[in-house]
Amino acid sequence: MARFLILVAIIVGVAWWVLGRAARASARGNMPAGGRKPGPVQDVVSCAHCGVHLPRGDALADGERLYCSEDHRRLGSGSS
């Protein structure tokens, strides 16, 4: 019985150590969340109507101005 308890304690200790190490590495940023690679870096722009910041790839252009949505593009351009 004592051998069984010692074996269980060792297994629990190793599991605790492995899981704690993985959590610390993730908190330091060594491992991306969910195990995925981060996407490409994009410039951040602000909506010409409301000022919200969004990736350039998600922005809608109207001439040189960029907007966060079709509604703000329409409102910002002065058309109804």
N, C-alpha and C. Protein backbone atom coordinates (compact mmCIF):
# COMPACT_ATOMS: atom_id res chain seq x y z
N MET A 1 0.82 -1.20 0.00
CA MET A 1 0.00 0.00 0.00
C MET A 1 0.86 1.26 0.00
N ALA A 2 1.94 1.26 0.75
CA ALA A 2 2.83 2.41 0.82
C ALA A 2 3.48 2.66 -0.53
N ARG A 3 3.86 1.60 -1.24
CA ARG A 3 4.47 1.74 -2.56
C ARG A 3 3.47 2.39 -3.53
N PHE A 4 2.23 1.97 -3.45
CA PHE A 4 1.20 2.53 -4.32
C PHE A 4 1.04 4.03 -4.07
N LEU A 5 1.00 4.44 -2.81
CA LEU A 5 0.85 5.86 -2.48
C LEU A 5 2.06 6.67 -2.95
N ILE A 6 3.25 6.11 -2.81
CA ILE A 6 4.46 6.80 -3.27
C ILE A 6 4.42 6.95 -4.79
N LEU A 7 4.00 5.90 -5.50
CA LEU A 7 3.90 5.94 -6.95
C LEU A 7 2.88 6.99 -7.40
N VAL A 8 1.74 7.03 -6.74
CA VAL A 8 0.72 8.03 -7.07
C VAL A 8 1.25 9.43 -6.80
N ALA A 9 1.94 9.63 -5.70
CA ALA A 9 2.51 10.94 -5.37
C ALA A 9 3.53 11.37 -6.43
N ILE A 10 4.34 10.45 -6.90
CA ILE A 10 5.33 10.78 -7.93
C ILE A 10 4.63 11.16 -9.23
N ILE A 11 3.62 10.40 -9.63
CA ILE A 11 2.88 10.70 -10.86
C ILE A 11 2.20 12.06 -10.77
N VAL A 12 1.57 12.36 -9.65
CA VAL A 12 0.91 13.65 -9.46
C VAL A 12 1.94 14.77 -9.48
N GLY A 13 3.08 14.56 -8.84
CA GLY A 13 4.13 15.58 -8.83
C GLY A 13 4.67 15.88 -10.21
N VAL A 14 4.90 14.84 -11.01
CA VAL A 14 5.40 15.05 -12.38
C VAL A 14 4.35 15.77 -13.23
N ALA A 15 3.10 15.36 -13.11
CA ALA A 15 2.04 16.02 -13.87
C ALA A 15 1.93 17.49 -13.48
N TRP A 16 1.99 17.77 -12.19
CA TRP A 16 1.93 19.15 -11.69
C TRP A 16 3.09 19.97 -12.26
N TRP A 17 4.28 19.40 -12.28
CA TRP A 17 5.47 20.10 -12.78
C TRP A 17 5.34 20.38 -14.27
N VAL A 18 4.89 19.38 -15.06
CA VAL A 18 4.77 19.56 -16.51
C VAL A 18 3.71 20.61 -16.84
N LEU A 19 2.54 20.53 -16.20
CA LEU A 19 1.48 21.49 -16.48
C LEU A 19 1.86 22.90 -16.02
N GLY A 20 2.52 23.02 -14.89
CA GLY A 20 2.97 24.32 -14.42
C GLY A 20 4.00 24.94 -15.33
N ARG A 21 4.88 24.12 -15.85
CA ARG A 21 5.91 24.62 -16.77
C ARG A 21 5.27 25.13 -18.06
N ALA A 22 4.30 24.39 -18.59
CA ALA A 22 3.61 24.82 -19.80
C ALA A 22 2.84 26.13 -19.56
N ALA A 23 2.22 26.26 -18.42
CA ALA A 23 1.47 27.48 -18.11
C ALA A 23 2.40 28.68 -17.99
N ARG A 24 3.56 28.49 -17.36
CA ARG A 24 4.52 29.59 -17.23
C ARG A 24 5.07 29.99 -18.59
N ALA A 25 5.35 29.03 -19.45
CA ALA A 25 5.87 29.34 -20.79
C ALA A 25 4.83 30.10 -21.59
N SER A 26 3.56 29.73 -21.46
CA SER A 26 2.50 30.42 -22.17
C SER A 26 2.34 31.85 -21.65
N ALA A 27 2.46 32.03 -20.35
CA ALA A 27 2.33 33.36 -19.77
C ALA A 27 3.46 34.27 -20.20
N ARG A 28 4.64 33.72 -20.42
CA ARG A 28 5.78 34.52 -20.87
C ARG A 28 5.69 34.84 -22.35
N GLY A 29 4.79 34.18 -23.06
CA GLY A 29 4.66 34.45 -24.48
C GLY A 29 5.49 33.53 -25.34
N ASN A 30 6.10 32.51 -24.78
CA ASN A 30 6.89 31.58 -25.57
C ASN A 30 6.02 30.68 -26.42
N MET A 31 4.80 30.43 -25.98
CA MET A 31 3.87 29.60 -26.73
C MET A 31 2.65 30.44 -27.06
N PRO A 32 2.27 30.51 -28.34
CA PRO A 32 1.05 31.25 -28.66
C PRO A 32 -0.17 30.57 -28.08
N ALA A 33 -1.18 31.36 -27.75
CA ALA A 33 -2.41 30.81 -27.18
C ALA A 33 -3.05 29.86 -28.18
N GLY A 34 -3.46 28.71 -27.71
CA GLY A 34 -4.11 27.74 -28.57
C GLY A 34 -3.15 26.98 -29.46
N GLY A 35 -1.85 27.22 -29.32
CA GLY A 35 -0.87 26.50 -30.12
C GLY A 35 -0.80 26.95 -31.57
N ARG A 36 -1.40 28.08 -31.92
CA ARG A 36 -1.39 28.55 -33.30
C ARG A 36 -0.33 29.61 -33.49
N LYS A 37 0.15 29.74 -34.71
CA LYS A 37 1.09 30.81 -35.04
C LYS A 37 0.30 32.10 -35.20
N PRO A 38 0.86 33.22 -34.74
CA PRO A 38 0.17 34.50 -34.93
C PRO A 38 0.13 34.86 -36.42
N GLY A 39 -0.88 35.61 -36.81
CA GLY A 39 -1.02 36.02 -38.20
C GLY A 39 -0.02 37.11 -38.54
N PRO A 40 0.00 37.51 -39.80
CA PRO A 40 0.93 38.56 -40.22
C PRO A 40 0.60 39.89 -39.55
N VAL A 41 1.60 40.70 -39.33
CA VAL A 41 1.43 42.01 -38.70
C VAL A 41 0.82 42.96 -39.73
N GLN A 42 -0.20 43.70 -39.32
CA GLN A 42 -0.85 44.66 -40.20
C GLN A 42 -0.77 46.05 -39.57
N ASP A 43 -0.78 47.07 -40.42
CA ASP A 43 -0.86 48.44 -39.92
C ASP A 43 -2.24 48.64 -39.29
N VAL A 44 -2.28 49.49 -38.27
CA VAL A 44 -3.55 49.83 -37.63
C VAL A 44 -3.91 51.24 -38.06
N VAL A 45 -5.17 51.41 -38.48
CA VAL A 45 -5.65 52.72 -38.93
C VAL A 45 -6.88 53.08 -38.10
N SER A 46 -7.30 54.34 -38.17
CA SER A 46 -8.50 54.75 -37.44
C SER A 46 -9.59 55.15 -38.42
N CYS A 47 -10.81 54.91 -38.03
CA CYS A 47 -11.97 55.26 -38.84
C CYS A 47 -12.08 56.78 -38.92
N ALA A 48 -12.28 57.30 -40.12
CA ALA A 48 -12.39 58.75 -40.30
C ALA A 48 -13.68 59.30 -39.68
N HIS A 49 -14.66 58.46 -39.39
CA HIS A 49 -15.92 58.94 -38.81
C HIS A 49 -15.91 58.87 -37.28
N CYS A 50 -15.59 57.68 -36.72
CA CYS A 50 -15.70 57.51 -35.27
C CYS A 50 -14.36 57.39 -34.56
N GLY A 51 -13.29 57.17 -35.30
CA GLY A 51 -11.97 57.11 -34.68
C GLY A 51 -11.56 55.75 -34.15
N VAL A 52 -12.41 54.72 -34.29
CA VAL A 52 -12.05 53.40 -33.79
C VAL A 52 -10.84 52.88 -34.57
N HIS A 53 -9.96 52.14 -33.89
CA HIS A 53 -8.77 51.58 -34.53
C HIS A 53 -9.06 50.17 -35.03
N LEU A 54 -8.59 49.87 -36.24
CA LEU A 54 -8.79 48.56 -36.82
C LEU A 54 -7.66 48.25 -37.79
N PRO A 55 -7.43 46.96 -38.09
CA PRO A 55 -6.38 46.61 -39.05
C PRO A 55 -6.68 47.19 -40.43
N ARG A 56 -5.66 47.61 -41.13
CA ARG A 56 -5.84 48.21 -42.46
C ARG A 56 -6.60 47.26 -43.39
N GLY A 57 -6.38 45.98 -43.26
CA GLY A 57 -7.04 45.00 -44.11
C GLY A 57 -8.55 44.93 -43.89
N ASP A 58 -9.04 45.35 -42.73
CA ASP A 58 -10.47 45.33 -42.43
C ASP A 58 -11.15 46.66 -42.74
N ALA A 59 -10.38 47.70 -43.02
CA ALA A 59 -10.94 49.04 -43.24
C ALA A 59 -11.52 49.16 -44.65
N LEU A 60 -12.54 50.01 -44.78
CA LEU A 60 -13.14 50.31 -46.07
C LEU A 60 -12.64 51.67 -46.52
N ALA A 61 -12.16 51.75 -47.74
CA ALA A 61 -11.58 52.99 -48.25
C ALA A 61 -12.60 53.77 -49.06
N ASP A 62 -12.53 55.08 -48.92
CA ASP A 62 -13.31 56.00 -49.75
C ASP A 62 -12.36 57.14 -50.08
N GLY A 63 -11.72 57.03 -51.21
CA GLY A 63 -10.65 57.96 -51.54
C GLY A 63 -9.47 57.66 -50.65
N GLU A 64 -8.99 58.68 -49.96
CA GLU A 64 -7.87 58.49 -49.04
C GLU A 64 -8.32 58.21 -47.62
N ARG A 65 -9.61 58.34 -47.34
CA ARG A 65 -10.13 58.11 -45.99
C ARG A 65 -10.49 56.65 -45.80
N LEU A 66 -10.32 56.17 -44.56
CA LEU A 66 -10.62 54.79 -44.22
C LEU A 66 -11.72 54.75 -43.16
N TYR A 67 -12.62 53.77 -43.26
CA TYR A 67 -13.76 53.66 -42.36
C TYR A 67 -13.86 52.24 -41.81
N CYS A 68 -14.53 52.11 -40.65
CA CYS A 68 -14.68 50.81 -39.99
C CYS A 68 -15.88 50.04 -40.51
N SER A 69 -16.84 50.71 -41.14
CA SER A 69 -18.03 50.02 -41.64
C SER A 69 -18.59 50.78 -42.83
N GLU A 70 -19.48 50.11 -43.55
CA GLU A 70 -20.14 50.74 -44.70
C GLU A 70 -20.99 51.92 -44.25
N ASP A 71 -21.65 51.82 -43.10
CA ASP A 71 -22.45 52.94 -42.59
C ASP A 71 -21.58 54.17 -42.33
N HIS A 72 -20.44 53.99 -41.70
CA HIS A 72 -19.58 55.13 -41.42
C HIS A 72 -18.95 55.67 -42.70
N ARG A 73 -18.69 54.81 -43.68
CA ARG A 73 -18.18 55.30 -44.96
C ARG A 73 -19.23 56.19 -45.60
N ARG A 74 -20.49 55.75 -45.56
CA ARG A 74 -21.57 56.53 -46.15
C ARG A 74 -21.77 57.84 -45.40
N LEU A 75 -21.76 57.80 -44.06
CA LEU A 75 -21.94 59.01 -43.27
C LEU A 75 -20.76 59.96 -43.42
N GLY A 76 -19.57 59.41 -43.48
CA GLY A 76 -18.37 60.25 -43.58
C GLY A 76 -18.22 60.90 -44.92
N SER A 77 -18.75 60.25 -45.96
CA SER A 77 -18.58 60.80 -47.31
C SER A 77 -19.64 61.88 -47.62
N GLY A 78 -20.65 62.01 -46.77
CA GLY A 78 -21.66 63.06 -46.94
C GLY A 78 -22.85 62.63 -47.81
N SER A 79 -22.84 61.39 -48.31
CA SER A 79 -24.01 60.93 -49.09
C SER A 79 -25.03 60.29 -48.17
N SER A 80 -26.27 60.22 -48.60
CA SER A 80 -27.31 59.66 -47.72
C SER A 80 -27.82 58.33 -48.20
